[in-house]
C-alpha atoms as a PDB file:
ATOM      1  CA  MET A   1       0.000   0.000   0.000  1.00  0.00           C
ATOM      2  CA  ASP A   2       3.080   2.242  -0.132  1.00  0.00           C
ATOM      3  CA  MET A   3       2.172   3.161  -3.714  1.00  0.00           C
ATOM      4  CA  LYS A   4       1.501   6.864  -4.155  1.00  0.00           C
ATOM      5  CA  ILE A   5      -1.277   7.790  -6.568  1.00  0.00           C
ATOM      6  CA  GLY A   6      -2.285  10.964  -8.382  1.00  0.00           C
ATOM      7  CA  LEU A   7      -5.814  11.581  -9.633  1.00  0.00           C
ATOM      8  CA  ILE A   8      -6.525  14.413 -12.066  1.00  0.00           C
ATOM      9  CA  GLY A   9     -10.206  15.192 -12.683  1.00  0.00           C
ATOM     10  CA  LEU A  10     -12.627  15.355  -9.739  1.00  0.00           C
ATOM     11  CA  GLY A  11     -15.946  15.505 -11.606  1.00  0.00           C
ATOM     12  CA  ILE A  12     -19.121  13.428 -11.243  1.00  0.00           C
ATOM     13  CA  MET A  13     -17.047  10.231 -11.500  1.00  0.00           C
ATOM     14  CA  GLY A  14     -13.561  11.312 -10.441  1.00  0.00           C
ATOM     15  CA  LYS A  15     -14.493  12.699  -7.040  1.00  0.00           C
ATOM     16  CA  PRO A  16     -16.132   9.528  -5.666  1.00  0.00           C
ATOM     17  CA  MET A  17     -13.319   7.451  -7.226  1.00  0.00           C
ATOM     18  CA  ALA A  18     -10.776   9.599  -5.352  1.00  0.00           C
ATOM     19  CA  LYS A  19     -12.716   9.122  -2.113  1.00  0.00           C
ATOM     20  CA  ASN A  20     -12.603   5.349  -2.577  1.00  0.00           C
ATOM     21  CA  LEU A  21      -8.819   5.462  -3.092  1.00  0.00           C
ATOM     22  CA  VAL A  22      -8.431   7.407   0.175  1.00  0.00           C
ATOM     23  CA  LYS A  23     -10.772   4.946   1.901  1.00  0.00           C
ATOM     24  CA  ALA A  24      -8.619   2.068   0.610  1.00  0.00           C
ATOM     25  CA  GLY A  25      -5.612   3.658   2.348  1.00  0.00           C
ATOM     26  CA  TYR A  26      -3.697   5.014  -0.642  1.00  0.00           C
ATOM     27  CA  ASP A  27      -1.560   8.130  -0.378  1.00  0.00           C
ATOM     28  CA  LEU A  28      -3.386  10.345  -2.880  1.00  0.00           C
ATOM     29  CA  VAL A  29      -2.508  13.607  -4.656  1.00  0.00           C
ATOM     30  CA  VAL A  30      -5.395  15.311  -6.482  1.00  0.00           C
ATOM     31  CA  ARG A  31      -5.808  18.109  -8.994  1.00  0.00           C
ATOM     32  CA  ASP A  32      -8.844  19.760 -10.606  1.00  0.00           C
ATOM     33  CA  ILE A  33      -9.795  23.222 -11.883  1.00  0.00           C
ATOM     34  CA  ASN A  34     -12.749  23.075  -9.467  1.00  0.00           C
ATOM     35  CA  GLN A  35     -11.200  24.151  -6.135  1.00  0.00           C
ATOM     36  CA  PRO A  36     -14.114  23.068  -3.854  1.00  0.00           C
ATOM     37  CA  ALA A  37     -13.730  19.479  -5.129  1.00  0.00           C
ATOM     38  CA  VAL A  38      -9.999  19.605  -4.347  1.00  0.00           C
ATOM     39  CA  ASP A  39     -10.723  21.047  -0.866  1.00  0.00           C
ATOM     40  CA  GLU A  40     -13.206  18.248  -0.191  1.00  0.00           C
ATOM     41  CA  LEU A  41     -10.567  15.595  -0.908  1.00  0.00           C
ATOM     42  CA  VAL A  42      -7.854  17.407   1.040  1.00  0.00           C
ATOM     43  CA  ALA A  43     -10.219  17.460   4.044  1.00  0.00           C
ATOM     44  CA  LEU A  44     -10.407  13.655   3.747  1.00  0.00           C
ATOM     45  CA  GLY A  45      -6.623  13.287   3.823  1.00  0.00           C
ATOM     46  CA  ALA A  46      -5.489  13.696   0.214  1.00  0.00           C
ATOM     47  CA  SER A  47      -2.934  16.308  -0.792  1.00  0.00           C
ATOM     48  CA  SER A  48      -3.074  18.610  -3.823  1.00  0.00           C
ATOM     49  CA  ALA A  49      -0.584  19.872  -6.405  1.00  0.00           C
ATOM     50  CA  GLU A  50      -0.356  23.085  -8.419  1.00  0.00           C
ATOM     51  CA  SER A  51       0.091  21.521 -11.850  1.00  0.00           C
ATOM     52  CA  ASN A  52      -0.341  18.226 -13.690  1.00  0.00           C
ATOM     53  CA  ALA A  53       3.448  17.912 -13.916  1.00  0.00           C
ATOM     54  CA  ALA A  54       3.687  18.423 -10.137  1.00  0.00           C
ATOM     55  CA  VAL A  55       1.184  15.620  -9.551  1.00  0.00           C
ATOM     56  CA  ALA A  56       3.150  13.259 -11.799  1.00  0.00           C
ATOM     57  CA  ALA A  57       6.507  14.158 -10.207  1.00  0.00           C
ATOM     58  CA  GLN A  58       5.533  12.764  -6.826  1.00  0.00           C
ATOM     59  CA  VAL A  59       3.498   9.630  -7.612  1.00  0.00           C
ATOM     60  CA  ASP A  60       3.900   6.095  -8.989  1.00  0.00           C
ATOM     61  CA  ILE A  61       0.561   6.035 -10.809  1.00  0.00           C
ATOM     62  CA  VAL A  62      -1.326   8.959 -12.381  1.00  0.00           C
ATOM     63  CA  ILE A  63      -5.063   8.386 -12.923  1.00  0.00           C
ATOM     64  CA  THR A  64      -6.905  10.753 -15.256  1.00  0.00           C
ATOM     65  CA  MET A  65     -10.722  11.050 -15.311  1.00  0.00           C
ATOM     66  CA  LEU A  66     -11.629  13.734 -17.848  1.00  0.00           C
ATOM     67  CA  PRO A  67     -14.462  14.512 -20.296  1.00  0.00           C
ATOM     68  CA  ASN A  68     -12.913  13.743 -23.714  1.00  0.00           C
ATOM     69  CA  SER A  69      -9.772  13.225 -25.807  1.00  0.00           C
ATOM     70  CA  PRO A  70      -8.680  16.915 -26.019  1.00  0.00           C
ATOM     71  CA  HIS A  71      -8.805  17.293 -22.213  1.00  0.00           C
ATOM     72  CA  VAL A  72      -6.719  14.148 -21.748  1.00  0.00           C
ATOM     73  CA  LYS A  73      -4.204  15.354 -24.343  1.00  0.00           C
ATOM     74  CA  GLU A  74      -3.866  18.713 -22.577  1.00  0.00           C
ATOM     75  CA  VAL A  75      -3.358  17.116 -19.150  1.00  0.00           C
ATOM     76  CA  LEU A  76      -0.917  14.448 -20.330  1.00  0.00           C
ATOM     77  CA  LEU A  77       1.034  16.188 -23.082  1.00  0.00           C
ATOM     78  CA  GLY A  78       0.242  19.920 -22.763  1.00  0.00           C
ATOM     79  CA  GLN A  79       2.135  22.669 -20.946  1.00  0.00           C
ATOM     80  CA  ASN A  80       3.090  21.544 -17.411  1.00  0.00           C
ATOM     81  CA  GLY A  81       1.587  18.213 -18.403  1.00  0.00           C
ATOM     82  CA  VAL A  82       2.034  14.798 -16.802  1.00  0.00           C
ATOM     83  CA  ILE A  83       4.731  13.923 -19.353  1.00  0.00           C
ATOM     84  CA  GLU A  84       6.921  16.765 -17.984  1.00  0.00           C
ATOM     85  CA  GLY A  85       6.783  15.563 -14.386  1.00  0.00           C
ATOM     86  CA  ALA A  86       6.615  11.780 -14.738  1.00  0.00           C
ATOM     87  CA  LYS A  87       9.713   9.697 -14.065  1.00  0.00           C
ATOM     88  CA  PRO A  88      10.497   6.655 -16.222  1.00  0.00           C
ATOM     89  CA  GLY A  89       8.516   3.741 -14.783  1.00  0.00           C
ATOM     90  CA  THR A  90       5.526   5.909 -13.844  1.00  0.00           C
ATOM     91  CA  VAL A  91       2.203   4.497 -15.054  1.00  0.00           C
ATOM     92  CA  VAL A  92      -0.651   6.619 -16.429  1.00  0.00           C
ATOM     93  CA  ILE A  93      -4.107   5.049 -16.127  1.00  0.00           C
ATOM     94  CA  ASP A  94      -6.515   7.047 -18.251  1.00  0.00           C
ATOM     95  CA  MET A  95     -10.001   6.167 -16.984  1.00  0.00           C
ATOM     96  CA  SER A  96     -11.718   8.742 -19.220  1.00  0.00           C
ATOM     97  CA  SER A  97     -13.846   7.521 -22.131  1.00  0.00           C
ATOM     98  CA  ILE A  98     -12.067   8.734 -25.253  1.00  0.00           C
ATOM     99  CA  ALA A  99     -11.411   7.759 -28.870  1.00  0.00           C
ATOM    100  CA  PRO A 100      -9.301   4.553 -29.045  1.00  0.00           C
ATOM    101  CA  LEU A 101      -6.995   6.147 -31.638  1.00  0.00           C
ATOM    102  CA  SER A 102      -6.295   8.990 -29.192  1.00  0.00           C
ATOM    103  CA  SER A 103      -5.338   6.456 -26.502  1.00  0.00           C
ATOM    104  CA  ARG A 104      -2.821   4.941 -28.904  1.00  0.00           C
ATOM    105  CA  GLU A 105      -1.406   8.378 -29.752  1.00  0.00           C
ATOM    106  CA  PHE A 106      -0.942   9.342 -26.061  1.00  0.00           C
ATOM    107  CA  TYR A 107       0.530   5.903 -25.277  1.00  0.00           C
ATOM    108  CA  ALA A 108       3.202   6.343 -27.964  1.00  0.00           C
ATOM    109  CA  ALA A 109       4.167   9.815 -26.705  1.00  0.00           C
ATOM    110  CA  LEU A 110       4.410   8.636 -23.097  1.00  0.00           C
ATOM    111  CA  GLU A 111       6.251   5.426 -23.996  1.00  0.00           C
ATOM    112  CA  ALA A 112       8.970   7.501 -25.684  1.00  0.00           C
ATOM    113  CA  LYS A 113       9.612   9.027 -22.221  1.00  0.00           C
ATOM    114  CA  GLY A 114       9.643   5.641 -20.470  1.00  0.00           C
ATOM    115  CA  VAL A 115       6.142   6.130 -19.051  1.00  0.00           C
ATOM    116  CA  ASP A 116       3.620   3.288 -19.364  1.00  0.00           C
ATOM    117  CA  MET A 117      -0.088   3.777 -19.990  1.00  0.00           C
ATOM    118  CA  LEU A 118      -3.324   1.829 -19.634  1.00  0.00           C
ATOM    119  CA  ASP A 119      -6.620   2.949 -21.137  1.00  0.00           C
ATOM    120  CA  ALA A 120      -9.194   1.952 -18.538  1.00  0.00           C
ATOM    121  CA  PRO A 121     -12.620   3.531 -19.133  1.00  0.00           C
ATOM    122  CA  VAL A 122     -15.410   2.738 -16.709  1.00  0.00           C
ATOM    123  CA  SER A 123     -19.111   1.935 -16.805  1.00  0.00           C
ATOM    124  CA  GLY A 124     -21.748   2.299 -14.118  1.00  0.00           C
ATOM    125  CA  GLY A 125     -22.269   6.035 -13.773  1.00  0.00           C
ATOM    126  CA  GLU A 126     -22.200   8.058 -10.583  1.00  0.00           C
ATOM    127  CA  PRO A 127     -24.010   5.573  -8.277  1.00  0.00           C
ATOM    128  CA  LYS A 128     -21.481   2.824  -8.992  1.00  0.00           C
ATOM    129  CA  ALA A 129     -18.572   5.284  -8.764  1.00  0.00           C
ATOM    130  CA  ILE A 130     -19.807   6.210  -5.280  1.00  0.00           C
ATOM    131  CA  ASP A 131     -20.224   2.660  -3.978  1.00  0.00           C
ATOM    132  CA  GLY A 132     -17.094   1.390  -5.736  1.00  0.00           C
ATOM    133  CA  THR A 133     -18.834  -1.169  -7.984  1.00  0.00           C
ATOM    134  CA  MET A 134     -18.016   0.250 -11.435  1.00  0.00           C
ATOM    135  CA  SER A 135     -16.897  -1.982 -14.292  1.00  0.00           C
ATOM    136  CA  VAL A 136     -13.454  -1.164 -15.668  1.00  0.00           C
ATOM    137  CA  MET A 137     -12.310  -2.361 -19.101  1.00  0.00           C
ATOM    138  CA  VAL A 138      -8.583  -2.117 -19.641  1.00  0.00           C
ATOM    139  CA  GLY A 139      -6.164  -1.976 -22.568  1.00  0.00           C
ATOM    140  CA  GLY A 140      -2.357  -1.974 -22.413  1.00  0.00           C
ATOM    141  CA  LYS A 141       0.492  -4.299 -21.464  1.00  0.00           C
ATOM    142  CA  LYS A 142      -0.716  -7.256 -19.405  1.00  0.00           C
ATOM    143  CA  GLU A 143       2.132  -6.949 -16.870  1.00  0.00           C
ATOM    144  CA  ILE A 144       1.273  -3.275 -16.250  1.00  0.00           C
ATOM    145  CA  PHE A 145      -2.398  -4.264 -15.858  1.00  0.00           C
ATOM    146  CA  ASP A 146      -1.406  -6.900 -13.278  1.00  0.00           C
ATOM    147  CA  ARG A 147       0.699  -4.373 -11.370  1.00  0.00           C
ATOM    148  CA  CYS A 148      -2.125  -1.827 -11.229  1.00  0.00           C
ATOM    149  CA  TYR A 149      -5.006  -4.259 -10.722  1.00  0.00           C
ATOM    150  CA  ASP A 150      -5.408  -3.734  -6.966  1.00  0.00           C
ATOM    151  CA  VAL A 151      -5.490   0.059  -7.350  1.00  0.00           C
ATOM    152  CA  MET A 152      -8.257  -0.143  -9.971  1.00  0.00           C
ATOM    153  CA  LYS A 153     -10.113  -2.804  -7.973  1.00  0.00           C
ATOM    154  CA  SER A 154     -10.296  -0.473  -4.961  1.00  0.00           C
ATOM    155  CA  MET A 155     -12.674   1.699  -7.029  1.00  0.00           C
ATOM    156  CA  ALA A 156     -14.553  -1.012  -8.915  1.00  0.00           C
ATOM    157  CA  GLY A 157     -16.598  -4.191  -8.787  1.00  0.00           C
ATOM    158  CA  SER A 158     -14.957  -5.680 -11.856  1.00  0.00           C
ATOM    159  CA  VAL A 159     -11.686  -4.905 -13.652  1.00  0.00           C
ATOM    160  CA  VAL A 160     -11.235  -6.827 -16.914  1.00  0.00           C
ATOM    161  CA  TYR A 161      -8.206  -6.932 -19.222  1.00  0.00           C
ATOM    162  CA  VAL A 162      -9.413  -6.610 -22.833  1.00  0.00           C
ATOM    163  CA  GLY A 163      -6.180  -6.388 -24.862  1.00  0.00           C
ATOM    164  CA  GLU A 164      -3.567  -3.962 -26.170  1.00  0.00           C
ATOM    165  CA  ILE A 165      -3.744  -0.175 -25.707  1.00  0.00           C
ATOM    166  CA  GLY A 166      -7.039   1.190 -27.095  1.00  0.00           C
ATOM    167  CA  ALA A 167      -8.903  -2.054 -26.382  1.00  0.00           C
ATOM    168  CA  GLY A 168     -10.353  -0.619 -23.170  1.00  0.00           C
ATOM    169  CA  ASN A 169     -11.951   2.235 -25.087  1.00  0.00           C
ATOM    170  CA  ILE A 170     -13.221  -0.104 -27.822  1.00  0.00           C
ATOM    171  CA  ALA A 171     -14.957  -2.119 -25.078  1.00  0.00           C
ATOM    172  CA  LYS A 172     -16.366   1.099 -23.584  1.00  0.00           C
ATOM    173  CA  LEU A 173     -17.733   2.190 -26.974  1.00  0.00           C
ATOM    174  CA  CYS A 174     -19.429  -1.222 -27.329  1.00  0.00           C
ATOM    175  CA  ASN A 175     -20.866  -0.677 -23.832  1.00  0.00           C
ATOM    176  CA  GLN A 176     -22.196   2.766 -24.787  1.00  0.00           C
ATOM    177  CA  VAL A 177     -23.872   1.363 -27.918  1.00  0.00           C
ATOM    178  CA  VAL A 178     -25.743  -1.245 -25.874  1.00  0.00           C
ATOM    179  CA  VAL A 179     -26.699   1.275 -23.178  1.00  0.00           C
ATOM    180  CA  ALA A 180     -27.951   3.926 -25.645  1.00  0.00           C
ATOM    181  CA  ILE A 181     -30.042   1.491 -27.660  1.00  0.00           C
ATOM    182  CA  ASN A 182     -31.357  -0.118 -24.469  1.00  0.00           C
ATOM    183  CA  ILE A 183     -32.456   3.253 -23.051  1.00  0.00           C
ATOM    184  CA  SER A 184     -34.252   4.067 -26.289  1.00  0.00           C
ATOM    185  CA  ALA A 185     -35.985   0.663 -26.257  1.00  0.00           C
ATOM    186  CA  VAL A 186     -37.170   1.192 -22.657  1.00  0.00           C
ATOM    187  CA  ALA A 187     -38.417   4.696 -23.504  1.00  0.00           C
ATOM    188  CA  GLU A 188     -40.199   3.461 -26.635  1.00  0.00           C
ATOM    189  CA  ALA A 189     -41.917   0.650 -24.743  1.00  0.00           C
ATOM    190  CA  LEU A 190     -43.038   2.812 -21.812  1.00  0.00           C
ATOM    191  CA  THR A 191     -44.415   5.405 -24.237  1.00  0.00           C
ATOM    192  CA  LEU A 192     -46.475   2.663 -25.892  1.00  0.00           C
ATOM    193  CA  ALA A 193     -47.823   1.521 -22.507  1.00  0.00           C
ATOM    194  CA  GLN A 194     -48.753   5.077 -21.523  1.00  0.00           C
ATOM    195  CA  LYS A 195     -50.507   5.801 -24.829  1.00  0.00           C
ATOM    196  CA  ALA A 196     -52.392   2.478 -24.665  1.00  0.00           C
ATOM    197  CA  GLY A 197     -53.754   3.432 -21.249  1.00  0.00           C
ATOM    198  CA  VAL A 198     -51.763   0.895 -19.253  1.00  0.00           C
ATOM    199  CA  SER A 199     -49.600   1.902 -16.265  1.00  0.00           C
ATOM    200  CA  PRO A 200     -45.957   2.148 -17.421  1.00  0.00           C
ATOM    201  CA  ASP A 201     -44.913   1.241 -13.874  1.00  0.00           C
ATOM    202  CA  LEU A 202     -46.951  -1.970 -13.854  1.00  0.00           C
ATOM    203  CA  VAL A 203     -45.653  -2.861 -17.319  1.00  0.00           C
ATOM    204  CA  TYR A 204     -42.123  -2.287 -16.010  1.00  0.00           C
ATOM    205  CA  GLN A 205     -42.797  -4.501 -12.970  1.00  0.00           C
ATOM    206  CA  ALA A 206     -44.295  -7.175 -15.240  1.00  0.00           C
ATOM    207  CA  ILE A 207     -41.419  -7.368 -17.719  1.00  0.00           C
ATOM    208  CA  ARG A 208     -38.311  -6.588 -15.673  1.00  0.00           C
ATOM    209  CA  GLY A 209     -37.977 -10.187 -14.404  1.00  0.00           C
ATOM    210  CA  GLY A 210     -38.101 -11.679 -17.899  1.00  0.00           C
ATOM    211  CA  LEU A 211     -35.826 -11.564 -20.920  1.00  0.00           C
ATOM    212  CA  ALA A 212     -36.454  -7.814 -21.387  1.00  0.00           C
ATOM    213  CA  GLY A 213     -35.080  -7.060 -17.930  1.00  0.00           C
ATOM    214  CA  SER A 214     -31.703  -5.307 -17.795  1.00  0.00           C
ATOM    215  CA  THR A 215     -29.486  -3.202 -15.566  1.00  0.00           C
ATOM    216  CA  VAL A 216     -30.299  -0.280 -17.866  1.00  0.00           C
ATOM    217  CA  MET A 217     -34.050  -0.786 -17.463  1.00  0.00           C
ATOM    218  CA  ASP A 218     -33.788  -0.992 -13.660  1.00  0.00           C
ATOM    219  CA  ALA A 219     -31.672   2.166 -13.524  1.00  0.00           C
ATOM    220  CA  LYS A 220     -33.499   4.287 -16.098  1.00  0.00           C
ATOM    221  CA  ALA A 221     -37.208   3.299 -16.182  1.00  0.00           C
ATOM    222  CA  PRO A 222     -37.842   4.637 -12.635  1.00  0.00           C
ATOM    223  CA  MET A 223     -36.026   7.875 -13.518  1.00  0.00           C
ATOM    224  CA  MET A 224     -38.202   8.330 -16.614  1.00  0.00           C
ATOM    225  CA  MET A 225     -41.435   7.706 -14.700  1.00  0.00           C
ATOM    226  CA  ASP A 226     -40.401   9.928 -11.775  1.00  0.00           C
ATOM    227  CA  ARG A 227     -39.313  12.747 -14.140  1.00  0.00           C
ATOM    228  CA  ASN A 228     -35.928  12.610 -12.412  1.00  0.00           C
ATOM    229  CA  PHE A 229     -33.390  13.693 -15.014  1.00  0.00           C
ATOM    230  CA  ASN A 230     -30.552  14.653 -12.636  1.00  0.00           C
ATOM    231  CA  PRO A 231     -27.471  13.427 -14.434  1.00  0.00           C
ATOM    232  CA  GLY A 232     -25.764  10.226 -13.498  1.00  0.00           C
ATOM    233  CA  PHE A 233     -24.585  10.439 -17.103  1.00  0.00           C
ATOM    234  CA  ARG A 234     -25.380  13.460 -19.245  1.00  0.00           C
ATOM    235  CA  ILE A 235     -26.878  13.352 -22.744  1.00  0.00           C
ATOM    236  CA  ASP A 236     -23.969  15.563 -23.891  1.00  0.00           C
ATOM    237  CA  LEU A 237     -21.438  12.940 -22.796  1.00  0.00           C
ATOM    238  CA  HIS A 238     -23.380  10.095 -24.384  1.00  0.00           C
ATOM    239  CA  ILE A 239     -23.453  12.040 -27.656  1.00  0.00           C
ATOM    240  CA  LYS A 240     -19.667  12.464 -27.290  1.00  0.00           C
ATOM    241  CA  ASP A 241     -19.247   8.698 -26.843  1.00  0.00           C
ATOM    242  CA  LEU A 242     -21.526   7.886 -29.791  1.00  0.00           C
ATOM    243  CA  ASN A 243     -19.559  10.346 -31.935  1.00  0.00           C
ATOM    244  CA  ASN A 244     -16.456   8.348 -31.004  1.00  0.00           C
ATOM    245  CA  VAL A 245     -18.361   5.147 -31.857  1.00  0.00           C
ATOM    246  CA  MET A 246     -19.315   6.399 -35.316  1.00  0.00           C
ATOM    247  CA  GLU A 247     -15.822   7.736 -36.036  1.00  0.00           C
ATOM    248  CA  THR A 248     -14.276   4.413 -34.972  1.00  0.00           C
ATOM    249  CA  SER A 249     -16.868   2.294 -36.803  1.00  0.00           C
ATOM    250  CA  HIS A 250     -16.346   4.249 -40.022  1.00  0.00           C
ATOM    251  CA  GLY A 251     -12.600   3.819 -39.588  1.00  0.00           C
ATOM    252  CA  VAL A 252     -12.834   0.026 -39.353  1.00  0.00           C
ATOM    253  CA  GLY A 253     -15.763  -0.381 -41.765  1.00  0.00           C
ATOM    254  CA  VAL A 254     -18.767  -1.290 -39.609  1.00  0.00           C
ATOM    255  CA  PRO A 255     -22.174   0.255 -40.408  1.00  0.00           C
ATOM    256  CA  MET A 256     -24.073   1.072 -37.177  1.00  0.00           C
ATOM    257  CA  PRO A 257     -27.565   2.141 -38.256  1.00  0.00           C
ATOM    258  CA  ILE A 258     -29.360   1.888 -34.890  1.00  0.00           C
ATOM    259  CA  THR A 259     -26.572   3.686 -33.012  1.00  0.00           C
ATOM    260  CA  ALA A 260     -26.660   6.484 -35.588  1.00  0.00           C
ATOM    261  CA  GLN A 261     -30.426   6.806 -35.163  1.00  0.00           C
ATOM    262  CA  VAL A 262     -30.223   6.991 -31.352  1.00  0.00           C
ATOM    263  CA  MET A 263     -27.459   9.572 -31.573  1.00  0.00           C
ATOM    264  CA  GLU A 264     -29.681  11.762 -33.783  1.00  0.00           C
ATOM    265  CA  MET A 265     -32.520  11.340 -31.274  1.00  0.00           C
ATOM    266  CA  MET A 266     -30.185  12.557 -28.522  1.00  0.00           C
ATOM    267  CA  GLN A 267     -29.125  15.495 -30.725  1.00  0.00           C
ATOM    268  CA  THR A 268     -32.824  16.383 -31.125  1.00  0.00           C
ATOM    269  CA  ILE A 269     -33.543  16.663 -27.395  1.00  0.00           C
ATOM    270  CA  LYS A 270     -30.210  18.404 -26.804  1.00  0.00           C
ATOM    271  CA  LEU A 271     -31.636  21.236 -28.909  1.00  0.00           C
ATOM    272  CA  ASP A 272     -34.502  21.408 -26.387  1.00  0.00           C
ATOM    273  CA  GLY A 273     -31.953  22.025 -23.627  1.00  0.00           C
ATOM    274  CA  CYS A 274     -31.698  18.429 -22.403  1.00  0.00           C
ATOM    275  CA  GLY A 275     -27.958  18.045 -23.048  1.00  0.00           C
ATOM    276  CA  VAL A 276     -27.125  18.552 -19.368  1.00  0.00           C
ATOM    277  CA  GLU A 277     -29.781  16.051 -18.221  1.00  0.00           C
ATOM    278  CA  ASP A 278     -29.386  12.330 -17.590  1.00  0.00           C
ATOM    279  CA  HIS A 279     -29.543  10.138 -20.692  1.00  0.00           C
ATOM    280  CA  SER A 280     -32.852   8.748 -19.376  1.00  0.00           C
ATOM    281  CA  SER A 281     -34.328  12.014 -20.693  1.00  0.00           C
ATOM    282  CA  LEU A 282     -34.233  10.311 -24.109  1.00  0.00           C
ATOM    283  CA  VAL A 283     -37.839   9.435 -23.191  1.00  0.00           C
ATOM    284  CA  LYS A 284     -38.684  13.078 -24.009  1.00  0.00           C
ATOM    285  CA  TYR A 285     -37.987  12.378 -27.679  1.00  0.00           C
ATOM    286  CA  TYR A 286     -40.749   9.765 -27.699  1.00  0.00           C
ATOM    287  CA  GLU A 287     -43.067  11.897 -25.581  1.00  0.00           C
ATOM    288  CA  LYS A 288     -42.768  14.635 -28.182  1.00  0.00           C
ATOM    289  CA  LEU A 289     -43.652  12.223 -30.985  1.00  0.00           C
ATOM    290  CA  ALA A 290     -46.613  10.687 -29.119  1.00  0.00           C
ATOM    291  CA  ASN A 291     -47.718  13.935 -27.444  1.00  0.00           C
ATOM    292  CA  LEU A 292     -47.818  12.579 -23.899  1.00  0.00           C
ATOM    293  CA  GLU A 293     -45.781  12.302 -20.695  1.00  0.00           C
ATOM    294  CA  VAL A 294     -44.649   8.952 -19.261  1.00  0.00           C
ATOM    295  CA  THR A 295     -45.474   8.776 -15.537  1.00  0.00           C
ATOM    296  CA  ARG A 296     -46.107   6.086 -12.929  1.00  0.00           C
END
């Protein structure tokens, strides 16, 4: 447990992840542009650093949890970036969800300086980040994965090695495809129930134990019916992920017609100001079409 860890990015996911690292007994250094989040972690026993390079200079492992590829590039390779402070042998674990090709680009730049990298995006949203049961899908060298496994496991329910660098983000994109399409299916079905004059809640209770049941349905159907669109995962971020899906799928030659359709549906409600809401607000797209509101 004498490993010292840095965590850069204390947002919806990063802050609870940092708390779980402190709880697990790790010596943690944090950094974020949001000072209150930093103060909250310092009050729990973490320390803070003035720059990304300063974080990297004093730790064995640097974890990044940031919105998208450009943010990760800035933190790792930009001015006063991790690459300037990291010693050879330092490991960067990027737990952001970014484009797989970006992961490979950052890996190459870091490797040239003797710094190893894993791409280790997560699934589960804020609730699972808080209770430490997220799923982590990891790409990189297997021996680096093995060395960092316990650190990742202290924040997660499952940590799975998927393959070489970039493989973690490919797995995450596959995850986001299934989640997006699943949310749209739940919304479509509940809209049908409501319009047909049958309680969406009772339909949900009736079908959740059968083949239609899913983690997505259990998480999102109640939110839709309760009109609770506080973000565990924002529409804006899901659009970002699906953009990365489409870019990657076009690059490798895989048509993804349903994913493209759901992304356009998300774009539609974003224009209504729903971008900052939870992705369960996709139900509003269907409500608009059917001219109704889904409620219990």
